[in-house]
């Protein structure tokens, strides 16, 4: 966590309970107006595998390691 984010957490913790709701509204409003961030998933290519890949995974690995290929 960055020092700035850590400081923000600390300052929020110091707010009086009556101040939490207004600050929360500001943060929610700010986030609602930001463009959507898309996560890049490193395993997304696995989602396009043949249907029986999970069932055959042990067989595939055994064959791969048995013949020494990478």
PDB file of N, CA and C in Angstrom:
ATOM      1  N   UNK A   1       0.844  -1.164   0.000  1.00  0.00           N
ATOM      2  CA  UNK A   1       0.000   0.000   0.000  1.00  0.00           C
ATOM      3  C   UNK A   1       0.896   1.236   0.000  1.00  0.00           C
ATOM      4  N   UNK A   2       0.535   2.225  -0.810  1.00  0.00           N
ATOM      5  CA  UNK A   2       1.358   3.427  -0.878  1.00  0.00           C
ATOM      6  C   UNK A   2       1.197   4.268   0.388  1.00  0.00           C
ATOM      7  N   UNK A   3       2.145   5.150   0.612  1.00  0.00           N
ATOM      8  CA  UNK A   3       2.098   6.015   1.791  1.00  0.00           C
ATOM      9  C   UNK A   3       0.872   6.922   1.743  1.00  0.00           C
ATOM     10  N   UNK A   4       0.520   7.382   0.553  1.00  0.00           N
ATOM     11  CA  UNK A   4      -0.647   8.256   0.404  1.00  0.00           C
ATOM     12  C   UNK A   4      -1.932   7.512   0.755  1.00  0.00           C
ATOM     13  N   UNK A   5      -2.044   6.289   0.263  1.00  0.00           N
ATOM     14  CA  UNK A   5      -3.241   5.483   0.559  1.00  0.00           C
ATOM     15  C   UNK A   5      -3.294   5.150   2.047  1.00  0.00           C
ATOM     16  N   UNK A   6      -2.151   4.853   2.622  1.00  0.00           N
ATOM     17  CA  UNK A   6      -2.077   4.562   4.046  1.00  0.00           C
ATOM     18  C   UNK A   6      -2.511   5.783   4.862  1.00  0.00           C
ATOM     19  N   UNK A   7      -2.065   6.962   4.445  1.00  0.00           N
ATOM     20  CA  UNK A   7      -2.460   8.193   5.138  1.00  0.00           C
ATOM     21  C   UNK A   7      -3.966   8.414   5.024  1.00  0.00           C
ATOM     22  N   UNK A   8      -4.526   8.153   3.847  1.00  0.00           N
ATOM     23  CA  UNK A   8      -5.964   8.303   3.652  1.00  0.00           C
ATOM     24  C   UNK A   8      -6.739   7.381   4.595  1.00  0.00           C
ATOM     25  N   UNK A   9      -6.304   6.141   4.697  1.00  0.00           N
ATOM     26  CA  UNK A   9      -6.946   5.195   5.622  1.00  0.00           C
ATOM     27  C   UNK A   9      -6.897   5.736   7.048  1.00  0.00           C
ATOM     28  N   UNK A  10      -5.732   6.237   7.433  1.00  0.00           N
ATOM     29  CA  UNK A  10      -5.572   6.766   8.788  1.00  0.00           C
ATOM     30  C   UNK A  10      -6.515   7.949   9.019  1.00  0.00           C
ATOM     31  N   UNK A  11      -6.584   8.859   8.056  1.00  0.00           N
ATOM     32  CA  UNK A  11      -7.438  10.035   8.209  1.00  0.00           C
ATOM     33  C   UNK A  11      -8.916   9.651   8.282  1.00  0.00           C
ATOM     34  N   UNK A  12      -9.324   8.685   7.492  1.00  0.00           N
ATOM     35  CA  UNK A  12     -10.717   8.229   7.539  1.00  0.00           C
ATOM     36  C   UNK A  12     -11.020   7.640   8.911  1.00  0.00           C
ATOM     37  N   UNK A  13     -10.089   6.895   9.454  1.00  0.00           N
ATOM     38  CA  UNK A  13     -10.278   6.326  10.787  1.00  0.00           C
ATOM     39  C   UNK A  13     -10.430   7.412  11.859  1.00  0.00           C
ATOM     40  N   UNK A  14      -9.846   8.568  11.624  1.00  0.00           N
ATOM     41  CA  UNK A  14      -9.910   9.666  12.588  1.00  0.00           C
ATOM     42  C   UNK A  14     -11.180  10.497  12.472  1.00  0.00           C
ATOM     43  N   UNK A  15     -11.975  10.305  11.423  1.00  0.00           N
ATOM     44  CA  UNK A  15     -13.198  11.091  11.251  1.00  0.00           C
ATOM     45  C   UNK A  15     -14.205  10.801  12.352  1.00  0.00           C
ATOM     46  N   UNK A  16     -14.935  11.834  12.725  1.00  0.00           N
ATOM     47  CA  UNK A  16     -16.063  11.635  13.641  1.00  0.00           C
ATOM     48  C   UNK A  16     -17.133  10.846  12.882  1.00  0.00           C
ATOM     49  N   UNK A  17     -17.900  10.059  13.592  1.00  0.00           N
ATOM     50  CA  UNK A  17     -18.916   9.210  12.957  1.00  0.00           C
ATOM     51  C   UNK A  17     -19.879  10.019  12.091  1.00  0.00           C
ATOM     52  N   UNK A  18     -20.177  11.239  12.498  1.00  0.00           N
ATOM     53  CA  UNK A  18     -21.103  12.082  11.726  1.00  0.00           C
ATOM     54  C   UNK A  18     -20.510  12.538  10.397  1.00  0.00           C
ATOM     55  N   UNK A  19     -19.195  12.482  10.261  1.00  0.00           N
ATOM     56  CA  UNK A  19     -18.522  12.907   9.029  1.00  0.00           C
ATOM     57  C   UNK A  19     -18.310  11.769   8.036  1.00  0.00           C
ATOM     58  N   UNK A  20     -18.515  10.540   8.452  1.00  0.00           N
ATOM     59  CA  UNK A  20     -18.242   9.391   7.594  1.00  0.00           C
ATOM     60  C   UNK A  20     -19.179   9.369   6.377  1.00  0.00           C
ATOM     61  N   UNK A  21     -20.468   9.538   6.597  1.00  0.00           N
ATOM     62  CA  UNK A  21     -21.442   9.464   5.494  1.00  0.00           C
ATOM     63  C   UNK A  21     -21.172  10.500   4.393  1.00  0.00           C
ATOM     64  N   UNK A  22     -20.923  11.781   4.726  1.00  0.00           N
ATOM     65  CA  UNK A  22     -20.636  12.749   3.660  1.00  0.00           C
ATOM     66  C   UNK A  22     -19.366  12.420   2.861  1.00  0.00           C
ATOM     67  N   UNK A  23     -18.336  11.952   3.558  1.00  0.00           N
ATOM     68  CA  UNK A  23     -17.092  11.599   2.876  1.00  0.00           C
ATOM     69  C   UNK A  23     -17.309  10.377   1.990  1.00  0.00           C
ATOM     70  N   UNK A  24     -18.036   9.411   2.491  1.00  0.00           N
ATOM     71  CA  UNK A  24     -18.355   8.220   1.715  1.00  0.00           C
ATOM     72  C   UNK A  24     -19.117   8.592   0.441  1.00  0.00           C
ATOM     73  N   UNK A  25     -20.038   9.517   0.544  1.00  0.00           N
ATOM     74  CA  UNK A  25     -20.797   9.966  -0.632  1.00  0.00           C
ATOM     75  C   UNK A  25     -19.874  10.610  -1.670  1.00  0.00           C
ATOM     76  N   UNK A  26     -18.922  11.392  -1.218  1.00  0.00           N
ATOM     77  CA  UNK A  26     -17.965  12.035  -2.141  1.00  0.00           C
ATOM     78  C   UNK A  26     -17.139  10.977  -2.862  1.00  0.00           C
ATOM     79  N   UNK A  27     -16.641  10.002  -2.121  1.00  0.00           N
ATOM     80  CA  UNK A  27     -15.805   8.958  -2.719  1.00  0.00           C
ATOM     81  C   UNK A  27     -16.621   8.118  -3.699  1.00  0.00           C
ATOM     82  N   UNK A  28     -17.819   7.734  -3.321  1.00  0.00           N
ATOM     83  CA  UNK A  28     -18.676   6.952  -4.228  1.00  0.00           C
ATOM     84  C   UNK A  28     -18.988   7.722  -5.502  1.00  0.00           C
ATOM     85  N   UNK A  29     -19.291   9.013  -5.364  1.00  0.00           N
ATOM     86  CA  UNK A  29     -19.597   9.843  -6.534  1.00  0.00           C
ATOM     87  C   UNK A  29     -18.390   9.934  -7.458  1.00  0.00           C
ATOM     88  N   UNK A  30     -17.230  10.096  -6.861  1.00  0.00           N
ATOM     89  CA  UNK A  30     -16.000  10.190  -7.671  1.00  0.00           C
ATOM     90  C   UNK A  30     -15.743   8.886  -8.421  1.00  0.00           C
ATOM     91  N   UNK A  31     -15.921   7.763  -7.765  1.00  0.00           N
ATOM     92  CA  UNK A  31     -15.700   6.467  -8.404  1.00  0.00           C
ATOM     93  C   UNK A  31     -16.749   6.177  -9.482  1.00  0.00           C
ATOM     94  N   UNK A  32     -17.958   6.642  -9.273  1.00  0.00           N
ATOM     95  CA  UNK A  32     -19.032   6.409 -10.242  1.00  0.00           C
ATOM     96  C   UNK A  32     -18.776   7.132 -11.558  1.00  0.00           C
ATOM     97  N   UNK A  33     -17.997   8.201 -11.525  1.00  0.00           N
ATOM     98  CA  UNK A  33     -17.740   8.984 -12.736  1.00  0.00           C
ATOM     99  C   UNK A  33     -16.402   8.677 -13.392  1.00  0.00           C
ATOM    100  N   UNK A  34     -15.723   7.656 -12.913  1.00  0.00           N
ATOM    101  CA  UNK A  34     -14.466   7.253 -13.541  1.00  0.00           C
ATOM    102  C   UNK A  34     -14.757   6.215 -14.609  1.00  0.00           C
ATOM    103  N   UNK A  35     -13.963   6.201 -15.677  1.00  0.00           N
ATOM    104  CA  UNK A  35     -14.144   5.148 -16.674  1.00  0.00           C
ATOM    105  C   UNK A  35     -13.875   3.780 -16.049  1.00  0.00           C
ATOM    106  N   UNK A  36     -14.598   2.793 -16.523  1.00  0.00           N
ATOM    107  CA  UNK A  36     -14.446   1.452 -15.971  1.00  0.00           C
ATOM    108  C   UNK A  36     -13.053   0.911 -16.269  1.00  0.00           C
ATOM    109  N   UNK A  37     -12.424   0.368 -15.239  1.00  0.00           N
ATOM    110  CA  UNK A  37     -11.106  -0.245 -15.422  1.00  0.00           C
ATOM    111  C   UNK A  37     -11.309  -1.732 -15.626  1.00  0.00           C
ATOM    112  N   UNK A  38     -10.704  -2.246 -16.655  1.00  0.00           N
ATOM    113  CA  UNK A  38     -10.815  -3.677 -16.937  1.00  0.00           C
ATOM    114  C   UNK A  38      -9.556  -4.368 -16.465  1.00  0.00           C
ATOM    115  N   UNK A  39      -9.745  -5.475 -15.800  1.00  0.00           N
ATOM    116  CA  UNK A  39      -8.609  -6.261 -15.338  1.00  0.00           C
ATOM    117  C   UNK A  39      -8.168  -7.188 -16.448  1.00  0.00           C
ATOM    118  N   UNK A  40      -6.879  -7.325 -16.598  1.00  0.00           N
ATOM    119  CA  UNK A  40      -6.324  -8.283 -17.552  1.00  0.00           C
ATOM    120  C   UNK A  40      -6.000  -9.552 -16.782  1.00  0.00           C
ATOM    121  N   UNK A  41      -6.676 -10.603 -17.118  1.00  0.00           N
ATOM    122  CA  UNK A  41      -6.486 -11.861 -16.407  1.00  0.00           C
ATOM    123  C   UNK A  41      -5.490 -12.724 -17.165  1.00  0.00           C
ATOM    124  N   UNK A  42      -4.437 -13.114 -16.493  1.00  0.00           N
ATOM    125  CA  UNK A  42      -3.380 -13.877 -17.146  1.00  0.00           C
ATOM    126  C   UNK A  42      -3.823 -15.282 -17.522  1.00  0.00           C
ATOM    127  N   UNK A  43      -4.886 -15.762 -16.939  1.00  0.00           N
ATOM    128  CA  UNK A  43      -5.338 -17.122 -17.228  1.00  0.00           C
ATOM    129  C   UNK A  43      -6.510 -17.152 -18.194  1.00  0.00           C
ATOM    130  N   UNK A  44      -6.852 -16.034 -18.817  1.00  0.00           N
ATOM    131  CA  UNK A  44      -8.041 -15.981 -19.666  1.00  0.00           C
ATOM    132  C   UNK A  44      -7.956 -16.930 -20.860  1.00  0.00           C
ATOM    133  N   UNK A  45      -6.765 -17.236 -21.329  1.00  0.00           N
ATOM    134  CA  UNK A  45      -6.630 -18.179 -22.436  1.00  0.00           C
ATOM    135  C   UNK A  45      -7.095 -19.575 -22.074  1.00  0.00           C
ATOM    136  N   UNK A  46      -7.042 -19.917 -20.816  1.00  0.00           N
ATOM    137  CA  UNK A  46      -7.491 -21.230 -20.375  1.00  0.00           C
ATOM    138  C   UNK A  46      -8.996 -21.393 -20.508  1.00  0.00           C
ATOM    139  N   UNK A  47      -9.705 -20.298 -20.571  1.00  0.00           N
ATOM    140  CA  UNK A  47     -11.156 -20.368 -20.657  1.00  0.00           C
ATOM    141  C   UNK A  47     -11.624 -20.869 -22.017  1.00  0.00           C
ATOM    142  N   UNK A  48     -10.730 -20.893 -22.998  1.00  0.00           N
ATOM    143  CA  UNK A  48     -11.092 -21.332 -24.337  1.00  0.00           C
ATOM    144  C   UNK A  48     -10.568 -22.726 -24.659  1.00  0.00           C
ATOM    145  N   UNK A  49     -10.326 -23.522 -23.684  1.00  0.00           N
ATOM    146  CA  UNK A  49      -9.791 -24.876 -23.889  1.00  0.00           C
ATOM    147  C   UNK A  49     -10.918 -25.830 -24.255  1.00  0.00           C
ATOM    148  N   UNK A  50     -10.506 -26.990 -24.772  1.00  0.00           N
ATOM    149  CA  UNK A  50     -11.520 -27.989 -25.108  1.00  0.00           C
ATOM    150  C   UNK A  50     -12.274 -28.412 -23.848  1.00  0.00           C
ATOM    151  N   UNK A  51     -13.513 -28.860 -23.995  1.00  0.00           N
ATOM    152  CA  UNK A  51     -14.372 -29.135 -22.837  1.00  0.00           C
ATOM    153  C   UNK A  51     -13.806 -30.142 -21.842  1.00  0.00           C
ATOM    154  N   UNK A  52     -13.034 -31.121 -22.296  1.00  0.00           N
ATOM    155  CA  UNK A  52     -12.555 -32.156 -21.382  1.00  0.00           C
ATOM    156  C   UNK A  52     -11.146 -31.900 -20.868  1.00  0.00           C
ATOM    157  N   UNK A  53     -10.637 -30.693 -21.008  1.00  0.00           N
ATOM    158  CA  UNK A  53      -9.264 -30.396 -20.602  1.00  0.00           C
ATOM    159  C   UNK A  53      -9.034 -30.692 -19.117  1.00  0.00           C
ATOM    160  N   UNK A  54      -9.945 -30.274 -18.268  1.00  0.00           N
ATOM    161  CA  UNK A  54      -9.769 -30.508 -16.830  1.00  0.00           C
ATOM    162  C   UNK A  54      -9.743 -32.006 -16.527  1.00  0.00           C
ATOM    163  N   UNK A  55     -10.612 -32.745 -17.167  1.00  0.00           N
ATOM    164  CA  UNK A  55     -10.663 -34.188 -16.925  1.00  0.00           C
ATOM    165  C   UNK A  55      -9.399 -34.877 -17.432  1.00  0.00           C
ATOM    166  N   UNK A  56      -8.798 -34.348 -18.495  1.00  0.00           N
ATOM    167  CA  UNK A  56      -7.616 -34.962 -19.101  1.00  0.00           C
ATOM    168  C   UNK A  56      -6.308 -34.372 -18.597  1.00  0.00           C
ATOM    169  N   UNK A  57      -6.339 -33.437 -17.656  1.00  0.00           N
ATOM    170  CA  UNK A  57      -5.131 -32.704 -17.263  1.00  0.00           C
ATOM    171  C   UNK A  57      -4.022 -33.626 -16.754  1.00  0.00           C
ATOM    172  N   UNK A  58      -4.356 -34.613 -15.941  1.00  0.00           N
ATOM    173  CA  UNK A  58      -3.320 -35.520 -15.435  1.00  0.00           C
ATOM    174  C   UNK A  58      -2.691 -36.313 -16.576  1.00  0.00           C
ATOM    175  N   UNK A  59      -3.500 -36.772 -17.499  1.00  0.00           N
ATOM    176  CA  UNK A  59      -2.994 -37.528 -18.647  1.00  0.00           C
ATOM    177  C   UNK A  59      -2.082 -36.654 -19.510  1.00  0.00           C
ATOM    178  N   UNK A  60      -2.496 -35.425 -19.751  1.00  0.00           N
ATOM    179  CA  UNK A  60      -1.702 -34.498 -20.571  1.00  0.00           C
ATOM    180  C   UNK A  60      -0.357 -34.226 -19.904  1.00  0.00           C
ATOM    181  N   UNK A  61      -0.371 -33.948 -18.601  1.00  0.00           N
ATOM    182  CA  UNK A  61       0.878 -33.678 -17.884  1.00  0.00           C
ATOM    183  C   UNK A  61       1.786 -34.900 -17.861  1.00  0.00           C
ATOM    184  N   UNK A  62       1.211 -36.068 -17.641  1.00  0.00           N
ATOM    185  CA  UNK A  62       1.996 -37.302 -17.608  1.00  0.00           C
ATOM    186  C   UNK A  62       2.675 -37.521 -18.965  1.00  0.00           C
ATOM    187  N   UNK A  63       1.936 -37.344 -20.055  1.00  0.00           N
ATOM    188  CA  UNK A  63       2.493 -37.507 -21.398  1.00  0.00           C
ATOM    189  C   UNK A  63       3.588 -36.481 -21.677  1.00  0.00           C
ATOM    190  N   UNK A  64       3.359 -35.252 -21.236  1.00  0.00           N
ATOM    191  CA  UNK A  64       4.315 -34.153 -21.472  1.00  0.00           C
ATOM    192  C   UNK A  64       5.644 -34.436 -20.771  1.00  0.00           C
ATOM    193  N   UNK A  65       5.576 -34.876 -19.523  1.00  0.00           N
ATOM    194  CA  UNK A  65       6.798 -35.122 -18.758  1.00  0.00           C
ATOM    195  C   UNK A  65       7.453 -36.455 -19.141  1.00  0.00           C
ATOM    196  N   UNK A  66       6.675 -37.405 -19.610  1.00  0.00           N
ATOM    197  CA  UNK A  66       7.229 -38.723 -19.972  1.00  0.00           C
ATOM    198  C   UNK A  66       8.135 -38.639 -21.186  1.00  0.00           C
ATOM    199  N   UNK A  67       7.768 -37.796 -22.166  1.00  0.00           N
ATOM    200  CA  UNK A  67       8.603 -37.724 -23.382  1.00  0.00           C
ATOM    201  C   UNK A  67       9.640 -36.611 -23.305  1.00  0.00           C
ATOM    202  N   UNK A  68       9.691 -35.870 -22.194  1.00  0.00           N
ATOM    203  CA  UNK A  68      10.727 -34.857 -21.991  1.00  0.00           C
ATOM    204  C   UNK A  68      10.492 -33.563 -22.749  1.00  0.00           C
ATOM    205  N   UNK A  69       9.359 -33.391 -23.396  1.00  0.00           N
ATOM    206  CA  UNK A  69       9.098 -32.124 -24.107  1.00  0.00           C
ATOM    207  C   UNK A  69       8.650 -31.065 -23.129  1.00  0.00           C
ATOM    208  N   UNK A  70       8.755 -29.804 -23.560  1.00  0.00           N
ATOM    209  CA  UNK A  70       8.387 -28.700 -22.678  1.00  0.00           C
ATOM    210  C   UNK A  70       7.130 -28.051 -23.115  1.00  0.00           C
TER     211      UNK A  70
END
